């Protein structure tokens, strides 16, 4: 594998690990099988992948990255580069995300339905401005953490500091 391909793969992987619905359940393909009813017009996975980002932060990725980076404190940077945690799964399974329903035995597709069956109707989640506003801080933090952690990995492994 050449270095550019490896770099692209690493960047994609670090980003995916920080997108909460990328670390969820296979039966609904990480929210791809949960219909979004609202302005995004797609599925719950896409809401978290692109819709909230584009609608709330814009599409200028250089500006977004610069803005997010400028807000990082030294304390945050130190904490984010010294810990490994299952942060994304905790976010995904939080009730406010509406991805799954917490039960005594786990996080189920619906309260009375542990997994999505191929022949059943897809669950629908209503996404509105309030939903996007509520999750924007989480999304901006996850984007920021991904960038800081990717930079840390590259600096550490490529000798940049």
N, C-alpha and C. Protein backbone atom coordinates (compact mmCIF):
# COMPACT_ATOMS: atom_id res chain seq x y z
N UNK A 1 0.86 -1.17 0.00
CA UNK A 1 0.00 0.00 0.00
C UNK A 1 0.91 1.24 0.00
N UNK A 2 0.66 2.15 -0.88
CA UNK A 2 1.51 3.34 -0.90
C UNK A 2 1.12 4.29 0.23
N UNK A 3 1.99 5.23 0.53
CA UNK A 3 1.82 6.12 1.67
C UNK A 3 0.57 6.99 1.54
N UNK A 4 0.26 7.48 0.34
CA UNK A 4 -0.93 8.31 0.17
C UNK A 4 -2.20 7.51 0.45
N UNK A 5 -2.28 6.30 -0.07
CA UNK A 5 -3.44 5.46 0.17
C UNK A 5 -3.57 5.14 1.66
N UNK A 6 -2.44 4.87 2.31
CA UNK A 6 -2.46 4.58 3.74
C UNK A 6 -2.92 5.80 4.53
N UNK A 7 -2.46 6.98 4.14
CA UNK A 7 -2.86 8.21 4.82
C UNK A 7 -4.36 8.46 4.66
N UNK A 8 -4.87 8.26 3.45
CA UNK A 8 -6.31 8.42 3.21
C UNK A 8 -7.12 7.42 4.03
N UNK A 9 -6.66 6.18 4.09
CA UNK A 9 -7.34 5.16 4.87
C UNK A 9 -7.36 5.53 6.35
N UNK A 10 -6.23 5.95 6.87
CA UNK A 10 -6.14 6.33 8.29
C UNK A 10 -7.08 7.50 8.59
N UNK A 11 -7.06 8.52 7.74
CA UNK A 11 -7.95 9.67 7.95
C UNK A 11 -9.41 9.27 7.92
N UNK A 12 -9.77 8.41 6.98
CA UNK A 12 -11.15 7.94 6.88
C UNK A 12 -11.53 7.12 8.12
N UNK A 13 -10.64 6.24 8.53
CA UNK A 13 -10.90 5.39 9.69
C UNK A 13 -11.07 6.22 10.96
N UNK A 14 -10.18 7.18 11.19
CA UNK A 14 -10.29 8.02 12.39
C UNK A 14 -11.60 8.80 12.36
N UNK A 15 -11.97 9.31 11.20
CA UNK A 15 -13.25 10.01 11.08
C UNK A 15 -14.43 9.10 11.38
N UNK A 16 -14.40 7.89 10.81
CA UNK A 16 -15.50 6.95 11.03
C UNK A 16 -15.65 6.57 12.50
N UNK A 17 -14.56 6.36 13.19
CA UNK A 17 -14.62 5.98 14.59
C UNK A 17 -15.27 7.09 15.43
N UNK A 18 -15.15 8.32 14.98
CA UNK A 18 -15.72 9.44 15.72
C UNK A 18 -17.16 9.76 15.32
N UNK A 19 -17.65 9.19 14.24
CA UNK A 19 -19.05 9.38 13.85
C UNK A 19 -19.86 8.34 14.59
N UNK A 20 -20.69 8.75 15.54
CA UNK A 20 -21.35 7.78 16.42
C UNK A 20 -22.07 6.63 15.73
N UNK A 21 -22.77 6.87 14.65
CA UNK A 21 -23.53 5.78 14.05
C UNK A 21 -22.67 4.80 13.26
N UNK A 22 -21.38 5.05 13.16
CA UNK A 22 -20.49 4.08 12.52
C UNK A 22 -20.12 2.94 13.48
N UNK A 23 -20.41 3.12 14.73
CA UNK A 23 -20.11 2.07 15.72
C UNK A 23 -21.41 1.63 16.39
N UNK A 24 -22.35 1.19 15.58
CA UNK A 24 -23.64 0.80 16.11
C UNK A 24 -23.96 -0.63 15.71
N UNK A 25 -25.18 -0.90 15.29
CA UNK A 25 -25.61 -2.28 15.07
C UNK A 25 -25.71 -2.61 13.58
N UNK A 26 -25.47 -3.88 13.26
CA UNK A 26 -25.46 -4.30 11.86
C UNK A 26 -26.85 -4.51 11.28
N UNK A 27 -27.84 -4.86 12.11
CA UNK A 27 -29.15 -5.17 11.56
C UNK A 27 -29.79 -3.99 10.85
N UNK A 28 -29.51 -2.78 11.31
CA UNK A 28 -30.07 -1.60 10.62
C UNK A 28 -28.98 -0.80 9.91
N UNK A 29 -27.81 -1.42 9.76
CA UNK A 29 -26.69 -0.84 9.04
C UNK A 29 -26.30 0.54 9.59
N UNK A 30 -26.20 0.63 10.90
CA UNK A 30 -25.73 1.87 11.53
C UNK A 30 -26.65 3.05 11.31
N UNK A 31 -27.94 2.81 11.31
CA UNK A 31 -28.91 3.90 11.12
C UNK A 31 -29.30 4.12 9.68
N UNK A 32 -28.67 3.42 8.75
CA UNK A 32 -29.05 3.56 7.34
C UNK A 32 -30.46 3.04 7.08
N UNK A 33 -30.93 2.14 7.94
CA UNK A 33 -32.28 1.59 7.77
C UNK A 33 -33.29 2.27 8.69
N UNK A 34 -32.94 3.42 9.23
CA UNK A 34 -33.88 4.22 10.02
C UNK A 34 -34.18 5.46 9.20
N UNK A 35 -35.43 5.61 8.84
CA UNK A 35 -35.85 6.71 7.98
C UNK A 35 -35.85 8.01 8.77
N UNK A 36 -35.33 9.04 8.16
CA UNK A 36 -35.35 10.38 8.75
C UNK A 36 -36.51 11.13 8.14
N UNK A 37 -37.35 11.67 9.01
CA UNK A 37 -38.45 12.51 8.55
C UNK A 37 -38.11 13.94 8.93
N UNK A 38 -37.85 14.75 7.94
CA UNK A 38 -37.47 16.13 8.21
C UNK A 38 -36.68 16.71 7.06
N UNK A 39 -35.88 17.72 7.33
CA UNK A 39 -35.21 18.47 6.26
C UNK A 39 -34.07 17.73 5.57
N UNK A 40 -33.58 16.66 6.17
CA UNK A 40 -32.43 15.96 5.58
C UNK A 40 -32.86 15.02 4.46
N UNK A 41 -34.05 14.47 4.57
CA UNK A 41 -34.62 13.66 3.52
C UNK A 41 -33.90 12.37 3.22
N UNK A 42 -33.33 11.74 4.22
CA UNK A 42 -32.58 10.52 3.96
C UNK A 42 -32.78 9.56 5.13
N UNK A 43 -31.69 9.15 5.75
CA UNK A 43 -31.75 8.23 6.87
C UNK A 43 -30.98 8.82 8.05
N UNK A 44 -31.14 8.19 9.22
CA UNK A 44 -30.52 8.73 10.43
C UNK A 44 -29.00 8.77 10.32
N UNK A 45 -28.42 7.80 9.65
CA UNK A 45 -26.96 7.79 9.47
C UNK A 45 -26.50 9.04 8.73
N UNK A 46 -27.19 9.38 7.65
CA UNK A 46 -26.83 10.56 6.86
C UNK A 46 -27.04 11.86 7.63
N UNK A 47 -28.03 11.86 8.53
CA UNK A 47 -28.25 13.04 9.38
C UNK A 47 -26.97 13.36 10.14
N UNK A 48 -26.36 12.31 10.72
CA UNK A 48 -25.14 12.49 11.52
C UNK A 48 -23.88 12.60 10.66
N UNK A 49 -23.89 11.98 9.49
CA UNK A 49 -22.73 12.01 8.60
C UNK A 49 -22.56 13.37 7.94
N UNK A 50 -23.64 13.94 7.43
CA UNK A 50 -23.50 15.17 6.64
C UNK A 50 -24.54 16.24 6.93
N UNK A 51 -25.79 15.87 7.11
CA UNK A 51 -26.86 16.87 7.14
C UNK A 51 -26.67 17.93 8.23
N UNK A 52 -26.49 17.51 9.47
CA UNK A 52 -26.34 18.49 10.54
C UNK A 52 -25.09 19.34 10.30
N UNK A 53 -24.04 18.72 9.85
CA UNK A 53 -22.80 19.47 9.58
C UNK A 53 -23.04 20.54 8.51
N UNK A 54 -23.60 20.14 7.39
CA UNK A 54 -23.81 21.09 6.30
C UNK A 54 -24.84 22.17 6.65
N UNK A 55 -25.91 21.80 7.32
CA UNK A 55 -26.96 22.77 7.64
C UNK A 55 -26.56 23.72 8.77
N UNK A 56 -25.73 23.26 9.70
CA UNK A 56 -25.40 24.08 10.87
C UNK A 56 -24.00 24.68 10.81
N UNK A 57 -23.06 24.00 10.16
CA UNK A 57 -21.69 24.51 10.10
C UNK A 57 -21.29 25.01 8.71
N UNK A 58 -21.99 24.55 7.69
CA UNK A 58 -21.68 24.96 6.33
C UNK A 58 -20.94 23.87 5.57
N UNK A 59 -20.44 24.24 4.40
CA UNK A 59 -19.77 23.26 3.53
C UNK A 59 -18.30 23.59 3.29
N UNK A 60 -17.83 24.69 3.83
CA UNK A 60 -16.44 25.09 3.65
C UNK A 60 -15.58 24.35 4.68
N UNK A 61 -15.05 23.20 4.28
CA UNK A 61 -14.37 22.35 5.24
C UNK A 61 -13.11 22.98 5.82
N UNK A 62 -12.43 23.78 5.06
CA UNK A 62 -11.23 24.46 5.58
C UNK A 62 -11.60 25.47 6.67
N UNK A 63 -12.67 26.21 6.43
CA UNK A 63 -13.14 27.18 7.42
C UNK A 63 -13.61 26.45 8.68
N UNK A 64 -14.39 25.38 8.51
CA UNK A 64 -14.90 24.63 9.65
C UNK A 64 -13.73 24.08 10.47
N UNK A 65 -12.76 23.45 9.80
CA UNK A 65 -11.60 22.88 10.50
C UNK A 65 -10.83 23.96 11.25
N UNK A 66 -10.62 25.10 10.62
CA UNK A 66 -9.89 26.19 11.27
C UNK A 66 -10.65 26.71 12.48
N UNK A 67 -11.94 26.87 12.33
CA UNK A 67 -12.77 27.37 13.42
C UNK A 67 -12.77 26.39 14.60
N UNK A 68 -12.96 25.12 14.32
CA UNK A 68 -12.98 24.12 15.39
C UNK A 68 -11.62 24.01 16.08
N UNK A 69 -10.58 24.03 15.29
CA UNK A 69 -9.22 23.93 15.85
C UNK A 69 -8.91 25.10 16.76
N UNK A 70 -9.38 26.28 16.41
CA UNK A 70 -9.08 27.47 17.21
C UNK A 70 -9.72 27.44 18.59
N UNK A 71 -10.71 26.62 18.76
CA UNK A 71 -11.43 26.55 20.04
C UNK A 71 -10.86 25.51 21.01
N UNK A 72 -9.93 24.69 20.56
CA UNK A 72 -9.40 23.61 21.39
C UNK A 72 -8.44 24.16 22.44
N UNK A 73 -8.68 23.78 23.69
CA UNK A 73 -7.78 24.19 24.76
C UNK A 73 -6.65 23.18 24.90
N UNK A 74 -5.58 23.58 25.54
CA UNK A 74 -4.48 22.66 25.79
C UNK A 74 -4.93 21.49 26.65
N UNK A 75 -5.82 21.74 27.59
CA UNK A 75 -6.35 20.69 28.46
C UNK A 75 -7.13 19.66 27.65
N UNK A 76 -7.98 20.14 26.74
CA UNK A 76 -8.74 19.22 25.88
C UNK A 76 -7.80 18.40 25.00
N UNK A 77 -6.85 19.08 24.40
CA UNK A 77 -5.90 18.39 23.52
C UNK A 77 -5.17 17.28 24.28
N UNK A 78 -4.71 17.58 25.48
CA UNK A 78 -4.00 16.58 26.29
C UNK A 78 -4.93 15.41 26.65
N UNK A 79 -6.15 15.71 27.03
CA UNK A 79 -7.09 14.65 27.40
C UNK A 79 -7.45 13.78 26.19
N UNK A 80 -7.70 14.40 25.07
CA UNK A 80 -8.14 13.66 23.88
C UNK A 80 -7.03 12.80 23.29
N UNK A 81 -5.78 13.18 23.48
CA UNK A 81 -4.69 12.40 22.90
C UNK A 81 -4.10 11.39 23.87
N UNK A 82 -4.63 11.33 25.09
CA UNK A 82 -4.08 10.38 26.06
C UNK A 82 -5.10 9.33 26.50
N UNK A 83 -6.30 9.38 25.96
CA UNK A 83 -7.31 8.41 26.38
C UNK A 83 -7.87 7.66 25.17
N UNK A 84 -8.26 6.46 25.43
CA UNK A 84 -8.96 5.66 24.44
C UNK A 84 -10.27 5.26 25.09
N UNK A 85 -11.37 5.51 24.43
CA UNK A 85 -12.67 5.19 25.03
C UNK A 85 -13.67 4.84 23.95
N UNK A 86 -14.76 4.27 24.37
CA UNK A 86 -15.83 3.93 23.45
C UNK A 86 -16.86 5.06 23.44
N UNK A 87 -16.39 6.25 23.14
CA UNK A 87 -17.23 7.44 23.20
C UNK A 87 -18.38 7.39 22.19
N UNK A 88 -18.11 6.98 20.98
CA UNK A 88 -19.13 7.00 19.93
C UNK A 88 -20.31 6.10 20.27
N UNK A 89 -20.04 4.92 20.81
CA UNK A 89 -21.14 4.02 21.14
C UNK A 89 -22.01 4.60 22.25
N UNK A 90 -21.39 5.26 23.22
CA UNK A 90 -22.17 5.90 24.29
C UNK A 90 -23.07 6.99 23.72
N UNK A 91 -22.58 7.74 22.75
CA UNK A 91 -23.40 8.77 22.11
C UNK A 91 -24.54 8.13 21.33
N UNK A 92 -24.22 7.13 20.53
CA UNK A 92 -25.22 6.45 19.70
C UNK A 92 -26.38 5.92 20.52
N UNK A 93 -26.08 5.35 21.67
CA UNK A 93 -27.12 4.71 22.47
C UNK A 93 -27.81 5.66 23.45
N UNK A 94 -27.44 6.93 23.45
CA UNK A 94 -28.13 7.91 24.31
C UNK A 94 -29.56 8.10 23.81
N UNK A 95 -30.52 8.16 24.71
CA UNK A 95 -31.93 8.27 24.30
C UNK A 95 -32.21 9.46 23.37
N UNK A 96 -31.54 10.57 23.54
CA UNK A 96 -31.81 11.76 22.73
C UNK A 96 -31.49 11.57 21.25
N UNK A 97 -30.61 10.64 20.92
CA UNK A 97 -30.26 10.38 19.52
C UNK A 97 -31.41 9.68 18.80
N UNK A 98 -32.20 8.91 19.55
CA UNK A 98 -33.37 8.19 19.04
C UNK A 98 -32.98 7.04 18.10
N UNK A 99 -31.77 6.58 18.26
CA UNK A 99 -31.30 5.45 17.45
C UNK A 99 -31.87 4.14 17.97
N UNK A 100 -31.82 3.94 19.28
CA UNK A 100 -32.32 2.71 19.86
C UNK A 100 -33.00 3.02 21.19
N UNK A 101 -33.64 2.01 21.75
CA UNK A 101 -34.34 2.15 23.01
C UNK A 101 -33.60 1.33 24.06
N UNK A 102 -33.16 1.98 25.13
CA UNK A 102 -32.45 1.27 26.19
C UNK A 102 -33.41 0.35 26.92
N UNK A 103 -32.96 -0.89 27.11
CA UNK A 103 -33.72 -1.87 27.88
C UNK A 103 -32.79 -2.45 28.94
N UNK A 104 -33.32 -3.35 29.74
CA UNK A 104 -32.49 -3.98 30.78
C UNK A 104 -31.37 -4.82 30.17
N UNK A 105 -31.57 -5.30 28.96
CA UNK A 105 -30.58 -6.19 28.35
C UNK A 105 -29.76 -5.55 27.24
N UNK A 106 -30.00 -4.30 26.95
CA UNK A 106 -29.22 -3.65 25.90
C UNK A 106 -29.92 -2.47 25.29
N UNK A 107 -29.60 -2.22 24.05
CA UNK A 107 -30.19 -1.12 23.31
C UNK A 107 -30.90 -1.73 22.10
N UNK A 108 -32.22 -1.69 22.11
CA UNK A 108 -33.03 -2.38 21.12
C UNK A 108 -33.50 -1.44 20.03
N UNK A 109 -33.81 -2.03 18.89
CA UNK A 109 -34.34 -1.28 17.74
C UNK A 109 -35.62 -0.54 18.13
N UNK A 110 -36.52 -1.21 18.78
CA UNK A 110 -37.75 -0.63 19.33
C UNK A 110 -37.94 -1.23 20.72
N UNK A 111 -38.81 -0.64 21.50
CA UNK A 111 -39.00 -1.09 22.88
C UNK A 111 -39.34 -2.58 22.97
N UNK A 112 -40.13 -3.08 22.05
CA UNK A 112 -40.54 -4.48 22.09
C UNK A 112 -39.94 -5.30 20.94
N UNK A 113 -38.83 -4.81 20.38
CA UNK A 113 -38.24 -5.44 19.21
C UNK A 113 -36.72 -5.26 19.26
N UNK A 114 -36.02 -6.34 19.59
CA UNK A 114 -34.58 -6.23 19.80
C UNK A 114 -33.81 -5.86 18.54
N UNK A 115 -34.13 -6.49 17.41
CA UNK A 115 -33.41 -6.21 16.17
C UNK A 115 -34.39 -5.95 15.04
N UNK A 116 -33.92 -5.29 14.02
CA UNK A 116 -34.74 -5.02 12.84
C UNK A 116 -34.74 -6.25 11.95
N UNK A 117 -35.91 -6.71 11.60
CA UNK A 117 -36.03 -7.83 10.68
C UNK A 117 -36.11 -7.29 9.26
N UNK A 118 -35.57 -8.01 8.29
CA UNK A 118 -35.55 -7.51 6.91
C UNK A 118 -36.92 -7.18 6.33
N UNK A 119 -37.96 -7.86 6.80
CA UNK A 119 -39.29 -7.65 6.21
C UNK A 119 -40.15 -6.64 6.96
N UNK A 120 -39.66 -6.07 8.04
CA UNK A 120 -40.49 -5.13 8.79
C UNK A 120 -40.31 -3.69 8.29
N UNK A 121 -41.29 -2.88 8.58
CA UNK A 121 -41.23 -1.47 8.20
C UNK A 121 -40.09 -0.79 8.97
N UNK A 122 -39.45 0.13 8.30
CA UNK A 122 -38.34 0.85 8.93
C UNK A 122 -38.85 1.82 9.98
N UNK A 123 -38.07 1.95 11.03
CA UNK A 123 -38.35 2.93 12.07
C UNK A 123 -38.17 4.32 11.48
N UNK A 124 -38.95 5.28 11.96
CA UNK A 124 -38.87 6.66 11.49
C UNK A 124 -38.49 7.56 12.66
N UNK A 125 -37.51 8.40 12.45
CA UNK A 125 -37.09 9.39 13.44
C UNK A 125 -37.32 10.77 12.84
N UNK A 126 -38.03 11.61 13.58
CA UNK A 126 -38.27 12.97 13.12
C UNK A 126 -37.07 13.83 13.52
N UNK A 127 -36.49 14.46 12.51
CA UNK A 127 -35.36 15.37 12.73
C UNK A 127 -35.86 16.76 12.39
N UNK A 128 -35.73 17.66 13.34
CA UNK A 128 -36.13 19.04 13.12
C UNK A 128 -35.01 19.95 13.61
N UNK A 129 -35.25 21.23 13.58
CA UNK A 129 -34.21 22.19 14.01
C UNK A 129 -33.79 21.93 15.45
N UNK A 130 -34.73 21.60 16.31
CA UNK A 130 -34.41 21.34 17.71
C UNK A 130 -33.48 20.12 17.85
N UNK A 131 -33.75 19.07 17.07
CA UNK A 131 -32.89 17.89 17.09
C UNK A 131 -31.48 18.27 16.63
N UNK A 132 -31.40 19.00 15.53
CA UNK A 132 -30.08 19.37 15.02
C UNK A 132 -29.34 20.28 15.99
N UNK A 133 -30.04 21.25 16.56
CA UNK A 133 -29.41 22.15 17.53
C UNK A 133 -28.94 21.40 18.77
N UNK A 134 -29.74 20.41 19.21
CA UNK A 134 -29.38 19.64 20.40
C UNK A 134 -28.11 18.82 20.18
N UNK A 135 -27.92 18.33 18.96
CA UNK A 135 -26.78 17.45 18.70
C UNK A 135 -25.58 18.15 18.05
N UNK A 136 -25.73 19.40 17.68
CA UNK A 136 -24.62 20.14 17.08
C UNK A 136 -23.39 20.19 18.00
N UNK A 137 -23.53 20.45 19.30
CA UNK A 137 -22.33 20.45 20.15
C UNK A 137 -21.60 19.10 20.14
N UNK A 138 -22.34 18.01 20.13
CA UNK A 138 -21.72 16.69 20.09
C UNK A 138 -20.98 16.49 18.77
N UNK A 139 -21.63 16.88 17.68
CA UNK A 139 -21.01 16.70 16.36
C UNK A 139 -19.76 17.56 16.23
N UNK A 140 -19.81 18.80 16.68
CA UNK A 140 -18.62 19.64 16.57
C UNK A 140 -17.50 19.09 17.46
N UNK A 141 -17.85 18.56 18.61
CA UNK A 141 -16.82 17.98 19.47
C UNK A 141 -16.21 16.74 18.81
N UNK A 142 -17.03 15.89 18.22
CA UNK A 142 -16.52 14.68 17.59
C UNK A 142 -15.64 15.02 16.38
N UNK A 143 -16.03 16.02 15.59
CA UNK A 143 -15.19 16.44 14.47
C UNK A 143 -13.85 16.97 14.98
N UNK A 144 -13.91 17.77 16.04
CA UNK A 144 -12.69 18.34 16.61
C UNK A 144 -11.80 17.25 17.18
N UNK A 145 -12.39 16.33 17.93
CA UNK A 145 -11.60 15.24 18.50
C UNK A 145 -10.95 14.40 17.40
N UNK A 146 -11.70 14.13 16.35
CA UNK A 146 -11.14 13.35 15.25
C UNK A 146 -9.92 14.05 14.65
N UNK A 147 -10.03 15.34 14.43
CA UNK A 147 -8.91 16.09 13.86
C UNK A 147 -7.70 16.12 14.78
N UNK A 148 -7.95 16.36 16.06
CA UNK A 148 -6.85 16.40 17.03
C UNK A 148 -6.18 15.04 17.13
N UNK A 149 -6.98 14.00 17.19
CA UNK A 149 -6.43 12.66 17.33
C UNK A 149 -5.69 12.21 16.07
N UNK A 150 -6.23 12.55 14.91
CA UNK A 150 -5.53 12.22 13.66
C UNK A 150 -4.19 12.95 13.60
N UNK A 151 -4.20 14.23 13.92
CA UNK A 151 -2.95 14.99 13.94
C UNK A 151 -1.94 14.41 14.91
N UNK A 152 -2.42 14.00 16.06
CA UNK A 152 -1.54 13.39 17.07
C UNK A 152 -0.93 12.09 16.56
N UNK A 153 -1.77 11.25 15.95
CA UNK A 153 -1.26 9.98 15.39
C UNK A 153 -0.19 10.24 14.33
N UNK A 154 -0.46 11.17 13.45
CA UNK A 154 0.49 11.46 12.37
C UNK A 154 1.78 12.05 12.92
N UNK A 155 1.67 12.98 13.84
CA UNK A 155 2.87 13.57 14.44
C UNK A 155 3.69 12.53 15.19
N UNK A 156 3.00 11.69 15.94
CA UNK A 156 3.70 10.66 16.73
C UNK A 156 4.38 9.64 15.83
N UNK A 157 3.65 9.16 14.84
CA UNK A 157 4.16 8.05 14.03
C UNK A 157 5.06 8.50 12.87
N UNK A 158 4.95 9.76 12.50
CA UNK A 158 5.80 10.25 11.42
C UNK A 158 6.90 11.19 11.92
N UNK A 159 7.01 11.31 13.24
CA UNK A 159 8.11 12.08 13.82
C UNK A 159 7.91 13.57 13.79
N UNK A 160 6.67 14.04 13.75
CA UNK A 160 6.43 15.47 13.69
C UNK A 160 6.21 16.14 15.02
N UNK A 161 6.40 15.43 16.13
CA UNK A 161 6.29 16.08 17.42
C UNK A 161 5.44 15.43 18.40
